[in-house]
PDB file of N, CA and C in Angstrom:
ATOM      1  N   MET A   1     -20.083  -8.339  -7.575  1.00  0.00           N
ATOM      2  CA  MET A   1     -19.729  -9.734  -7.644  1.00  0.00           C
ATOM      3  C   MET A   1     -18.768  -9.929  -8.808  1.00  0.00           C
ATOM      4  N   LYS A   2     -17.736 -10.696  -8.572  1.00  0.00           N
ATOM      5  CA  LYS A   2     -16.727 -10.965  -9.595  1.00  0.00           C
ATOM      6  C   LYS A   2     -17.116 -12.217 -10.378  1.00  0.00           C
ATOM      7  N   PRO A   3     -16.530 -12.406 -11.561  1.00  0.00           N
ATOM      8  CA  PRO A   3     -16.839 -13.621 -12.331  1.00  0.00           C
ATOM      9  C   PRO A   3     -16.546 -14.905 -11.562  1.00  0.00           C
ATOM     10  N   SER A   4     -15.592 -14.843 -10.623  1.00  0.00           N
ATOM     11  CA  SER A   4     -15.261 -16.030  -9.832  1.00  0.00           C
ATOM     12  C   SER A   4     -16.329 -16.337  -8.789  1.00  0.00           C
ATOM     13  N   GLY A   5     -17.249 -15.399  -8.585  1.00  0.00           N
ATOM     14  CA  GLY A   5     -18.297 -15.577  -7.593  1.00  0.00           C
ATOM     15  C   GLY A   5     -18.009 -14.875  -6.283  1.00  0.00           C
ATOM     16  N   ALA A   6     -16.835 -14.284  -6.166  1.00  0.00           N
ATOM     17  CA  ALA A   6     -16.475 -13.578  -4.933  1.00  0.00           C
ATOM     18  C   ALA A   6     -17.287 -12.291  -4.823  1.00  0.00           C
ATOM     19  N   LYS A   7     -17.771 -12.036  -3.622  1.00  0.00           N
ATOM     20  CA  LYS A   7     -18.554 -10.824  -3.366  1.00  0.00           C
ATOM     21  C   LYS A   7     -17.722  -9.886  -2.502  1.00  0.00           C
ATOM     22  N   THR A   8     -17.660  -8.628  -2.894  1.00  0.00           N
ATOM     23  CA  THR A   8     -16.897  -7.623  -2.166  1.00  0.00           C
ATOM     24  C   THR A   8     -17.808  -6.467  -1.795  1.00  0.00           C
ATOM     25  N   CYS A   9     -17.736  -6.035  -0.543  1.00  0.00           N
ATOM     26  CA  CYS A   9     -18.507  -4.878  -0.094  1.00  0.00           C
ATOM     27  C   CYS A   9     -17.745  -3.621  -0.485  1.00  0.00           C
ATOM     28  N   GLN A  10     -18.466  -2.647  -1.031  1.00  0.00           N
ATOM     29  CA  GLN A  10     -17.853  -1.399  -1.471  1.00  0.00           C
ATOM     30  C   GLN A  10     -18.679  -0.212  -1.021  1.00  0.00           C
ATOM     31  N   ALA A  11     -17.989   0.909  -0.871  1.00  0.00           N
ATOM     32  CA  ALA A  11     -18.665   2.189  -0.649  1.00  0.00           C
ATOM     33  C   ALA A  11     -18.487   2.979  -1.933  1.00  0.00           C
ATOM     34  N   GLN A  12     -19.567   3.575  -2.411  1.00  0.00           N
ATOM     35  CA  GLN A  12     -19.525   4.333  -3.664  1.00  0.00           C
ATOM     36  C   GLN A  12     -19.943   5.766  -3.391  1.00  0.00           C
ATOM     37  N   TYR A  13     -19.188   6.708  -3.990  1.00  0.00           N
ATOM     38  CA  TYR A  13     -19.504   8.125  -3.821  1.00  0.00           C
ATOM     39  C   TYR A  13     -19.048   8.889  -5.049  1.00  0.00           C
ATOM     40  N   ARG A  14     -19.488  10.142  -5.142  1.00  0.00           N
ATOM     41  CA  ARG A  14     -19.070  11.012  -6.241  1.00  0.00           C
ATOM     42  C   ARG A  14     -18.175  12.108  -5.692  1.00  0.00           C
ATOM     43  N   LYS A  15     -17.071  12.332  -6.396  1.00  0.00           N
ATOM     44  CA  LYS A  15     -16.125  13.372  -5.989  1.00  0.00           C
ATOM     45  C   LYS A  15     -15.540  13.974  -7.257  1.00  0.00           C
ATOM     46  N   GLY A  16     -15.674  15.279  -7.400  1.00  0.00           N
ATOM     47  CA  GLY A  16     -15.112  15.952  -8.559  1.00  0.00           C
ATOM     48  C   GLY A  16     -15.740  15.526  -9.872  1.00  0.00           C
ATOM     49  N   GLY A  17     -17.011  15.168  -9.842  1.00  0.00           N
ATOM     50  CA  GLY A  17     -17.705  14.770 -11.057  1.00  0.00           C
ATOM     51  C   GLY A  17     -17.469  13.326 -11.470  1.00  0.00           C
ATOM     52  N   HIS A  18     -16.734  12.566 -10.657  1.00  0.00           N
ATOM     53  CA  HIS A  18     -16.448  11.163 -10.970  1.00  0.00           C
ATOM     54  C   HIS A  18     -16.995  10.254  -9.875  1.00  0.00           C
ATOM     55  N   THR A  19     -17.465   9.100 -10.276  1.00  0.00           N
ATOM     56  CA  THR A  19     -17.902   8.101  -9.317  1.00  0.00           C
ATOM     57  C   THR A  19     -16.682   7.344  -8.818  1.00  0.00           C
ATOM     58  N   ARG A  20     -16.562   7.216  -7.520  1.00  0.00           N
ATOM     59  CA  ARG A  20     -15.436   6.516  -6.900  1.00  0.00           C
ATOM     60  C   ARG A  20     -15.976   5.356  -6.079  1.00  0.00           C
ATOM     61  N   ARG A  21     -15.215   4.279  -6.055  1.00  0.00           N
ATOM     62  CA  ARG A  21     -15.577   3.117  -5.233  1.00  0.00           C
ATOM     63  C   ARG A  21     -14.383   2.744  -4.362  1.00  0.00           C
ATOM     64  N   VAL A  22     -14.680   2.401  -3.131  1.00  0.00           N
ATOM     65  CA  VAL A  22     -13.654   1.946  -2.197  1.00  0.00           C
ATOM     66  C   VAL A  22     -14.080   0.576  -1.697  1.00  0.00           C
ATOM     67  N   SER A  23     -13.221  -0.427  -1.883  1.00  0.00           N
ATOM     68  CA  SER A  23     -13.515  -1.762  -1.389  1.00  0.00           C
ATOM     69  C   SER A  23     -13.373  -1.782   0.125  1.00  0.00           C
ATOM     70  N   ILE A  24     -14.347  -2.378   0.764  1.00  0.00           N
ATOM     71  CA  ILE A  24     -14.363  -2.432   2.224  1.00  0.00           C
ATOM     72  C   ILE A  24     -13.858  -3.783   2.709  1.00  0.00           C
ATOM     73  N   GLY A  25     -14.297  -4.843   2.063  1.00  0.00           N
ATOM     74  CA  GLY A  25     -13.870  -6.183   2.457  1.00  0.00           C
ATOM     75  C   GLY A  25     -14.664  -7.244   1.740  1.00  0.00           C
ATOM     76  N   ARG A  26     -14.158  -8.440   1.785  1.00  0.00           N
ATOM     77  CA  ARG A  26     -14.831  -9.572   1.160  1.00  0.00           C
ATOM     78  C   ARG A  26     -16.002 -10.043   2.015  1.00  0.00           C
ATOM     79  N   HIS A  27     -17.093 -10.373   1.334  1.00  0.00           N
ATOM     80  CA  HIS A  27     -18.268 -10.902   2.026  1.00  0.00           C
ATOM     81  C   HIS A  27     -17.869 -12.230   2.659  1.00  0.00           C
ATOM     82  N   GLY A  28     -18.170 -12.376   3.916  1.00  0.00           N
ATOM     83  CA  GLY A  28     -17.801 -13.576   4.658  1.00  0.00           C
ATOM     84  C   GLY A  28     -16.656 -13.306   5.618  1.00  0.00           C
ATOM     85  N   LYS A  29     -15.715 -12.464   5.193  1.00  0.00           N
ATOM     86  CA  LYS A  29     -14.621 -12.073   6.086  1.00  0.00           C
ATOM     87  C   LYS A  29     -15.076 -10.966   7.024  1.00  0.00           C
ATOM     88  N   ILE A  30     -15.994 -10.137   6.549  1.00  0.00           N
ATOM     89  CA  ILE A  30     -16.620  -9.134   7.414  1.00  0.00           C
ATOM     90  C   ILE A  30     -18.125  -9.304   7.297  1.00  0.00           C
ATOM     91  N   THR A  31     -18.814  -8.960   8.365  1.00  0.00           N
ATOM     92  CA  THR A  31     -20.272  -9.083   8.354  1.00  0.00           C
ATOM     93  C   THR A  31     -20.870  -7.861   7.660  1.00  0.00           C
ATOM     94  N   VAL A  32     -22.140  -7.960   7.352  1.00  0.00           N
ATOM     95  CA  VAL A  32     -22.847  -6.858   6.715  1.00  0.00           C
ATOM     96  C   VAL A  32     -22.860  -5.640   7.641  1.00  0.00           C
ATOM     97  N   ASP A  33     -23.059  -5.881   8.927  1.00  0.00           N
ATOM     98  CA  ASP A  33     -23.063  -4.762   9.888  1.00  0.00           C
ATOM     99  C   ASP A  33     -21.703  -4.073   9.953  1.00  0.00           C
ATOM    100  N   GLU A  34     -20.618  -4.858   9.942  1.00  0.00           N
ATOM    101  CA  GLU A  34     -19.281  -4.265   9.939  1.00  0.00           C
ATOM    102  C   GLU A  34     -19.050  -3.460   8.667  1.00  0.00           C
ATOM    103  N   ALA A  35     -19.503  -4.005   7.533  1.00  0.00           N
ATOM    104  CA  ALA A  35     -19.343  -3.305   6.256  1.00  0.00           C
ATOM    105  C   ALA A  35     -20.111  -1.990   6.264  1.00  0.00           C
ATOM    106  N   ARG A  36     -21.297  -1.999   6.805  1.00  0.00           N
ATOM    107  CA  ARG A  36     -22.091  -0.760   6.882  1.00  0.00           C
ATOM    108  C   ARG A  36     -21.406   0.272   7.770  1.00  0.00           C
ATOM    109  N   LYS A  37     -20.845  -0.177   8.881  1.00  0.00           N
ATOM    110  CA  LYS A  37     -20.144   0.737   9.793  1.00  0.00           C
ATOM    111  C   LYS A  37     -18.932   1.356   9.088  1.00  0.00           C
ATOM    112  N   LEU A  38     -18.149   0.528   8.399  1.00  0.00           N
ATOM    113  CA  LEU A  38     -16.985   1.045   7.677  1.00  0.00           C
ATOM    114  C   LEU A  38     -17.392   1.971   6.537  1.00  0.00           C
ATOM    115  N   ALA A  39     -18.481   1.630   5.841  1.00  0.00           N
ATOM    116  CA  ALA A  39     -18.977   2.487   4.758  1.00  0.00           C
ATOM    117  C   ALA A  39     -19.411   3.841   5.310  1.00  0.00           C
ATOM    118  N   LYS A  40     -20.034   3.826   6.470  1.00  0.00           N
ATOM    119  CA  LYS A  40     -20.454   5.091   7.092  1.00  0.00           C
ATOM    120  C   LYS A  40     -19.235   5.944   7.433  1.00  0.00           C
ATOM    121  N   GLU A  41     -18.165   5.321   7.941  1.00  0.00           N
ATOM    122  CA  GLU A  41     -16.934   6.050   8.251  1.00  0.00           C
ATOM    123  C   GLU A  41     -16.329   6.653   6.979  1.00  0.00           C
ATOM    124  N   ILE A  42     -16.343   5.885   5.888  1.00  0.00           N
ATOM    125  CA  ILE A  42     -15.822   6.383   4.610  1.00  0.00           C
ATOM    126  C   ILE A  42     -16.653   7.564   4.130  1.00  0.00           C
ATOM    127  N   MET A  43     -17.980   7.443   4.224  1.00  0.00           N
ATOM    128  CA  MET A  43     -18.846   8.527   3.779  1.00  0.00           C
ATOM    129  C   MET A  43     -18.687   9.763   4.664  1.00  0.00           C
ATOM    130  N   ASP A  44     -18.408   9.568   5.954  1.00  0.00           N
ATOM    131  CA  ASP A  44     -18.124  10.704   6.839  1.00  0.00           C
ATOM    132  C   ASP A  44     -16.854  11.426   6.388  1.00  0.00           C
ATOM    133  N   ASP A  45     -15.841  10.646   5.996  1.00  0.00           N
ATOM    134  CA  ASP A  45     -14.602  11.247   5.483  1.00  0.00           C
ATOM    135  C   ASP A  45     -14.875  12.044   4.210  1.00  0.00           C
ATOM    136  N   VAL A  46     -15.712  11.511   3.343  1.00  0.00           N
ATOM    137  CA  VAL A  46     -16.055  12.206   2.103  1.00  0.00           C
ATOM    138  C   VAL A  46     -16.776  13.511   2.425  1.00  0.00           C
ATOM    139  N   ALA A  47     -17.668  13.471   3.404  1.00  0.00           N
ATOM    140  CA  ALA A  47     -18.397  14.671   3.789  1.00  0.00           C
ATOM    141  C   ALA A  47     -17.461  15.744   4.354  1.00  0.00           C
ATOM    142  N   LYS A  48     -16.325  15.320   4.925  1.00  0.00           N
ATOM    143  CA  LYS A  48     -15.337  16.263   5.453  1.00  0.00           C
ATOM    144  C   LYS A  48     -14.444  16.825   4.347  1.00  0.00           C
ATOM    145  N   GLY A  49     -14.626  16.338   3.121  1.00  0.00           N
ATOM    146  CA  GLY A  49     -13.830  16.835   1.996  1.00  0.00           C
ATOM    147  C   GLY A  49     -12.674  15.934   1.614  1.00  0.00           C
ATOM    148  N   GLU A  50     -12.532  14.816   2.270  1.00  0.00           N
ATOM    149  CA  GLU A  50     -11.448  13.887   1.944  1.00  0.00           C
ATOM    150  C   GLU A  50     -11.842  13.028   0.742  1.00  0.00           C
ATOM    151  N   ASN A  51     -10.853  12.365   0.170  1.00  0.00           N
ATOM    152  CA  ASN A  51     -11.088  11.490  -0.983  1.00  0.00           C
ATOM    153  C   ASN A  51     -10.412  10.148  -0.699  1.00  0.00           C
ATOM    154  N   PRO A  52     -11.099   9.213  -0.040  1.00  0.00           N
ATOM    155  CA  PRO A  52     -10.487   7.948   0.357  1.00  0.00           C
ATOM    156  C   PRO A  52      -9.917   7.138  -0.816  1.00  0.00           C
ATOM    157  N   ALA A  53     -10.580   7.153  -1.959  1.00  0.00           N
ATOM    158  CA  ALA A  53     -10.085   6.382  -3.102  1.00  0.00           C
ATOM    159  C   ALA A  53      -8.738   6.928  -3.574  1.00  0.00           C
ATOM    160  N   GLU A  54      -8.585   8.244  -3.575  1.00  0.00           N
ATOM    161  CA  GLU A  54      -7.318   8.863  -3.990  1.00  0.00           C
ATOM    162  C   GLU A  54      -6.215   8.575  -2.984  1.00  0.00           C
ATOM    163  N   GLU A  55      -6.555   8.562  -1.703  1.00  0.00           N
ATOM    164  CA  GLU A  55      -5.571   8.253  -0.664  1.00  0.00           C
ATOM    165  C   GLU A  55      -5.043   6.835  -0.831  1.00  0.00           C
ATOM    166  N   ILE A  56      -5.922   5.894  -1.169  1.00  0.00           N
ATOM    167  CA  ILE A  56      -5.514   4.511  -1.388  1.00  0.00           C
ATOM    168  C   ILE A  56      -4.596   4.428  -2.604  1.00  0.00           C
ATOM    169  N   THR A  57      -4.954   5.147  -3.675  1.00  0.00           N
ATOM    170  CA  THR A  57      -4.140   5.152  -4.886  1.00  0.00           C
ATOM    171  C   THR A  57      -2.754   5.720  -4.600  1.00  0.00           C
ATOM    172  N   GLN A  58      -2.675   6.801  -3.863  1.00  0.00           N
ATOM    173  CA  GLN A  58      -1.380   7.396  -3.525  1.00  0.00           C
ATOM    174  C   GLN A  58      -0.544   6.452  -2.672  1.00  0.00           C
ATOM    175  N   HIS A  59      -1.191   5.742  -1.757  1.00  0.00           N
ATOM    176  CA  HIS A  59      -0.477   4.781  -0.911  1.00  0.00           C
ATOM    177  C   HIS A  59       0.125   3.668  -1.761  1.00  0.00           C
ATOM    178  N   ARG A  60      -0.616   3.191  -2.750  1.00  0.00           N
ATOM    179  CA  ARG A  60      -0.120   2.116  -3.611  1.00  0.00           C
ATOM    180  C   ARG A  60       1.012   2.581  -4.511  1.00  0.00           C
ATOM    181  N   ARG A  61       1.034   3.861  -4.838  1.00  0.00           N
ATOM    182  CA  ARG A  61       2.087   4.415  -5.698  1.00  0.00           C
ATOM    183  C   ARG A  61       3.326   4.828  -4.915  1.00  0.00           C
ATOM    184  N   ALA A  62       3.291   4.736  -3.605  1.00  0.00           N
ATOM    185  CA  ALA A  62       4.432   5.131  -2.784  1.00  0.00           C
ATOM    186  C   ALA A  62       5.630   4.241  -3.109  1.00  0.00           C
ATOM    187  N   PRO A  63       6.838   4.768  -2.962  1.00  0.00           N
ATOM    188  CA  PRO A  63       8.020   3.967  -3.287  1.00  0.00           C
ATOM    189  C   PRO A  63       8.145   2.756  -2.370  1.00  0.00           C
ATOM    190  N   THR A  64       8.658   1.675  -2.934  1.00  0.00           N
ATOM    191  CA  THR A  64       8.862   0.458  -2.160  1.00  0.00           C
ATOM    192  C   THR A  64      10.158   0.575  -1.364  1.00  0.00           C
ATOM    193  N   VAL A  65      10.360  -0.350  -0.453  1.00  0.00           N
ATOM    194  CA  VAL A  65      11.582  -0.361   0.343  1.00  0.00           C
ATOM    195  C   VAL A  65      12.788  -0.560  -0.571  1.00  0.00           C
ATOM    196  N   ALA A  66      12.663  -1.396  -1.588  1.00  0.00           N
ATOM    197  CA  ALA A  66      13.772  -1.622  -2.521  1.00  0.00           C
ATOM    198  C   ALA A  66      14.169  -0.329  -3.224  1.00  0.00           C
ATOM    199  N   VAL A  67      13.184   0.455  -3.640  1.00  0.00           N
ATOM    200  CA  VAL A  67      13.466   1.729  -4.308  1.00  0.00           C
ATOM    201  C   VAL A  67      14.129   2.697  -3.329  1.00  0.00           C
ATOM    202  N   LEU A  68      13.646   2.735  -2.100  1.00  0.00           N
ATOM    203  CA  LEU A  68      14.246   3.617  -1.094  1.00  0.00           C
ATOM    204  C   LEU A  68      15.682   3.207  -0.771  1.00  0.00           C
ATOM    205  N   CYS A  69      15.947   1.903  -0.707  1.00  0.00           N
ATOM    206  CA  CYS A  69      17.315   1.428  -0.457  1.00  0.00           C
ATOM    207  C   CYS A  69      18.238   1.831  -1.602  1.00  0.00           C
ATOM    208  N   GLU A  70      17.764   1.675  -2.812  1.00  0.00           N
ATOM    209  CA  GLU A  70      18.565   2.057  -3.983  1.00  0.00           C
ATOM    210  C   GLU A  70      18.834   3.564  -3.983  1.00  0.00           C
ATOM    211  N   ARG A  71      17.821   4.339  -3.646  1.00  0.00           N
ATOM    212  CA  ARG A  71      17.985   5.791  -3.582  1.00  0.00           C
ATOM    213  C   ARG A  71      19.003   6.172  -2.503  1.00  0.00           C
ATOM    214  N   PHE A  72      18.934   5.504  -1.340  1.00  0.00           N
ATOM    215  CA  PHE A  72      19.897   5.754  -0.272  1.00  0.00           C
ATOM    216  C   PHE A  72      21.307   5.449  -0.750  1.00  0.00           C
ATOM    217  N   PHE A  73      21.468   4.305  -1.403  1.00  0.00           N
ATOM    218  CA  PHE A  73      22.804   3.915  -1.851  1.00  0.00           C
ATOM    219  C   PHE A  73      23.338   4.911  -2.884  1.00  0.00           C
ATOM    220  N   ASP A  74      22.498   5.296  -3.848  1.00  0.00           N
ATOM    221  CA  ASP A  74      22.940   6.219  -4.901  1.00  0.00           C
ATOM    222  C   ASP A  74      23.213   7.620  -4.381  1.00  0.00           C
ATOM    223  N   ASN A  75      22.360   8.134  -3.507  1.00  0.00           N
ATOM    224  CA  ASN A  75      22.471   9.526  -3.068  1.00  0.00           C
ATOM    225  C   ASN A  75      23.348   9.720  -1.841  1.00  0.00           C
ATOM    226  N   HIS A  76      23.531   8.693  -1.047  1.00  0.00           N
ATOM    227  CA  HIS A  76      24.286   8.863   0.192  1.00  0.00           C
ATOM    228  C   HIS A  76      25.556   8.007   0.207  1.00  0.00           C
ATOM    229  N   ALA A  77      25.373   6.708   0.118  1.00  0.00           N
ATOM    230  CA  ALA A  77      26.505   5.804   0.324  1.00  0.00           C
ATOM    231  C   ALA A  77      27.599   5.984  -0.717  1.00  0.00           C
ATOM    232  N   LYS A  78      27.240   6.151  -1.966  1.00  0.00           N
ATOM    233  CA  LYS A  78      28.260   6.297  -3.015  1.00  0.00           C
ATOM    234  C   LYS A  78      29.114   7.542  -2.808  1.00  0.00           C
ATOM    235  N   GLU A  79      28.516   8.597  -2.271  1.00  0.00           N
ATOM    236  CA  GLU A  79      29.228   9.858  -2.114  1.00  0.00           C
ATOM    237  C   GLU A  79      29.931   9.991  -0.766  1.00  0.00           C
ATOM    238  N   ARG A  80      29.395   9.392   0.274  1.00  0.00           N
ATOM    239  CA  ARG A  80      29.887   9.674   1.618  1.00  0.00           C
ATOM    240  C   ARG A  80      30.507   8.494   2.346  1.00  0.00           C
ATOM    241  N   CYS A  81      30.453   7.305   1.765  1.00  0.00           N
ATOM    242  CA  CYS A  81      30.949   6.130   2.478  1.00  0.00           C
ATOM    243  C   CYS A  81      32.154   5.527   1.766  1.00  0.00           C
ATOM    244  N   LYS A  82      33.002   4.876   2.573  1.00  0.00           N
ATOM    245  CA  LYS A  82      34.168   4.198   2.016  1.00  0.00           C
ATOM    246  C   LYS A  82      33.691   2.989   1.196  1.00  0.00           C
ATOM    247  N   PRO A  83      34.524   2.530   0.270  1.00  0.00           N
ATOM    248  CA  PRO A  83      34.137   1.368  -0.547  1.00  0.00           C
ATOM    249  C   PRO A  83      33.772   0.141   0.287  1.00  0.00           C
ATOM    250  N   SER A  84      34.472  -0.060   1.406  1.00  0.00           N
ATOM    251  CA  SER A  84      34.148  -1.229   2.237  1.00  0.00           C
ATOM    252  C   SER A  84      32.739  -1.094   2.831  1.00  0.00           C
ATOM    253  N   THR A  85      32.389   0.110   3.247  1.00  0.00           N
ATOM    254  CA  THR A  85      31.053   0.347   3.804  1.00  0.00           C
ATOM    255  C   THR A  85      29.995   0.193   2.714  1.00  0.00           C
ATOM    256  N   GLN A  86      30.286   0.694   1.532  1.00  0.00           N
ATOM    257  CA  GLN A  86      29.364   0.528   0.404  1.00  0.00           C
ATOM    258  C   GLN A  86      29.126  -0.955   0.138  1.00  0.00           C
ATOM    259  N   GLY A  87      30.192  -1.728   0.175  1.00  0.00           N
ATOM    260  CA  GLY A  87      30.067  -3.172  -0.036  1.00  0.00           C
ATOM    261  C   GLY A  87      29.202  -3.835   1.015  1.00  0.00           C
ATOM    262  N   GLU A  88      29.369  -3.402   2.275  1.00  0.00           N
ATOM    263  CA  GLU A  88      28.550  -3.962   3.346  1.00  0.00           C
ATOM    264  C   GLU A  88      27.082  -3.604   3.181  1.00  0.00           C
ATOM    265  N   TYR A  89      26.810  -2.352   2.768  1.00  0.00           N
ATOM    266  CA  TYR A  89      25.422  -1.954   2.522  1.00  0.00           C
ATOM    267  C   TYR A  89      24.821  -2.804   1.406  1.00  0.00           C
ATOM    268  N   ARG A  90      25.571  -3.002   0.334  1.00  0.00           N
ATOM    269  CA  ARG A  90      25.082  -3.829  -0.787  1.00  0.00           C
ATOM    270  C   ARG A  90      24.849  -5.261  -0.329  1.00  0.00           C
ATOM    271  N   ARG A  91      25.794  -5.799   0.456  1.00  0.00           N
ATOM    272  CA  ARG A  91      25.664  -7.180   0.922  1.00  0.00           C
ATOM    273  C   ARG A  91      24.418  -7.330   1.795  1.00  0.00           C
ATOM    274  N   ALA A  92      24.206  -6.372   2.682  1.00  0.00           N
ATOM    275  CA  ALA A  92      23.035  -6.434   3.562  1.00  0.00           C
ATOM    276  C   ALA A  92      21.748  -6.334   2.754  1.00  0.00           C
ATOM    277  N   ASP A  93      21.736  -5.462   1.760  1.00  0.00           N
ATOM    278  CA  ASP A  93      20.549  -5.307   0.912  1.00  0.00           C
ATOM    279  C   ASP A  93      20.296  -6.579   0.120  1.00  0.00           C
ATOM    280  N   ASP A  94      21.347  -7.175  -0.436  1.00  0.00           N
ATOM    281  CA  ASP A  94      21.194  -8.416  -1.202  1.00  0.00           C
ATOM    282  C   ASP A  94      20.750  -9.567  -0.302  1.00  0.00           C
ATOM    283  N   ALA A  95      21.247  -9.622   0.928  1.00  0.00           N
ATOM    284  CA  ALA A  95      20.846 -10.666   1.869  1.00  0.00           C
ATOM    285  C   ALA A  95      19.369 -10.529   2.214  1.00  0.00           C
ATOM    286  N   ASP A  96      18.889  -9.284   2.389  1.00  0.00           N
ATOM    287  CA  ASP A  96      17.468  -9.073   2.664  1.00  0.00           C
ATOM    288  C   ASP A  96      16.623  -9.530   1.494  1.00  0.00           C
ATOM    289  N   ASP A  97      17.069  -9.268   0.264  1.00  0.00           N
ATOM    290  CA  ASP A  97      16.330  -9.712  -0.918  1.00  0.00           C
ATOM    291  C   ASP A  97      16.263 -11.228  -0.977  1.00  0.00           C
ATOM    292  N   ALA A  98      17.354 -11.907  -0.647  1.00  0.00           N
ATOM    293  CA  ALA A  98      17.370 -13.368  -0.662  1.00  0.00           C
ATOM    294  C   ALA A  98      16.412 -13.920   0.385  1.00  0.00           C
ATOM    295  N   ASP A  99      16.384 -13.294   1.574  1.00  0.00           N
ATOM    296  CA  ASP A  99      15.480 -13.742   2.631  1.00  0.00           C
ATOM    297  C   ASP A  99      14.027 -13.589   2.191  1.00  0.00           C
ATOM    298  N   ASP A 100      13.712 -12.489   1.504  1.00  0.00           N
ATOM    299  CA  ASP A 100      12.343 -12.259   1.042  1.00  0.00           C
ATOM    300  C   ASP A 100      11.936 -13.322   0.032  1.00  0.00           C
ATOM    301  N   GLN A 101      12.867 -13.744  -0.809  1.00  0.00           N
ATOM    302  CA  GLN A 101      12.533 -14.686  -1.858  1.00  0.00           C
ATOM    303  C   GLN A 101      12.263 -16.089  -1.307  1.00  0.00           C
ATOM    304  N   ILE A 102      12.938 -16.472  -0.204  1.00  0.00           N
ATOM    305  CA  ILE A 102      12.729 -17.802   0.321  1.00  0.00           C
ATOM    306  C   ILE A 102      11.772 -17.815   1.515  1.00  0.00           C
ATOM    307  N   GLY A 103      11.241 -16.656   1.876  1.00  0.00           N
ATOM    308  CA  GLY A 103      10.201 -16.602   2.892  1.00  0.00           C
ATOM    309  C   GLY A 103      10.705 -16.460   4.302  1.00  0.00           C
ATOM    310  N   CYS A 104      11.963 -16.102   4.505  1.00  0.00           N
ATOM    311  CA  CYS A 104      12.486 -15.896   5.862  1.00  0.00           C
ATOM    312  C   CYS A 104      12.025 -14.535   6.373  1.00  0.00           C
ATOM    313  N   SER A 105      11.871 -14.451   7.665  1.00  0.00           N
ATOM    314  CA  SER A 105      11.540 -13.145   8.251  1.00  0.00           C
ATOM    315  C   SER A 105      12.390 -12.953   9.479  1.00  0.00           C
ATOM    316  N   ARG A 106      12.633 -11.691   9.806  1.00  0.00           N
ATOM    317  CA  ARG A 106      13.468 -11.382  10.981  1.00  0.00           C
ATOM    318  C   ARG A 106      12.639 -10.727  12.030  1.00  0.00           C
TER     319      ARG A 106
END
């Protein structure tokens, strides 16, 4: 339970000498039976040698689309594209950023 009063269902296990917790869902958004079913699936993964908490951490550390676009521009477009094409790539990337900021979706 959080200080705000929110209750979260978690699965807890030990892996590599450390206690790990994986959040399953907020109480009320999922039922207790659903939480138990998901916890059982997580524990089955742990029994197979997987580490669900580490997988979640790696997913969160994955590069964002903005970082990938910048990497594409630096490693590919600057070296292989004409200046006009580079400008179009930048314009398209900047337009996507503007759409994200005002809540537009395509």
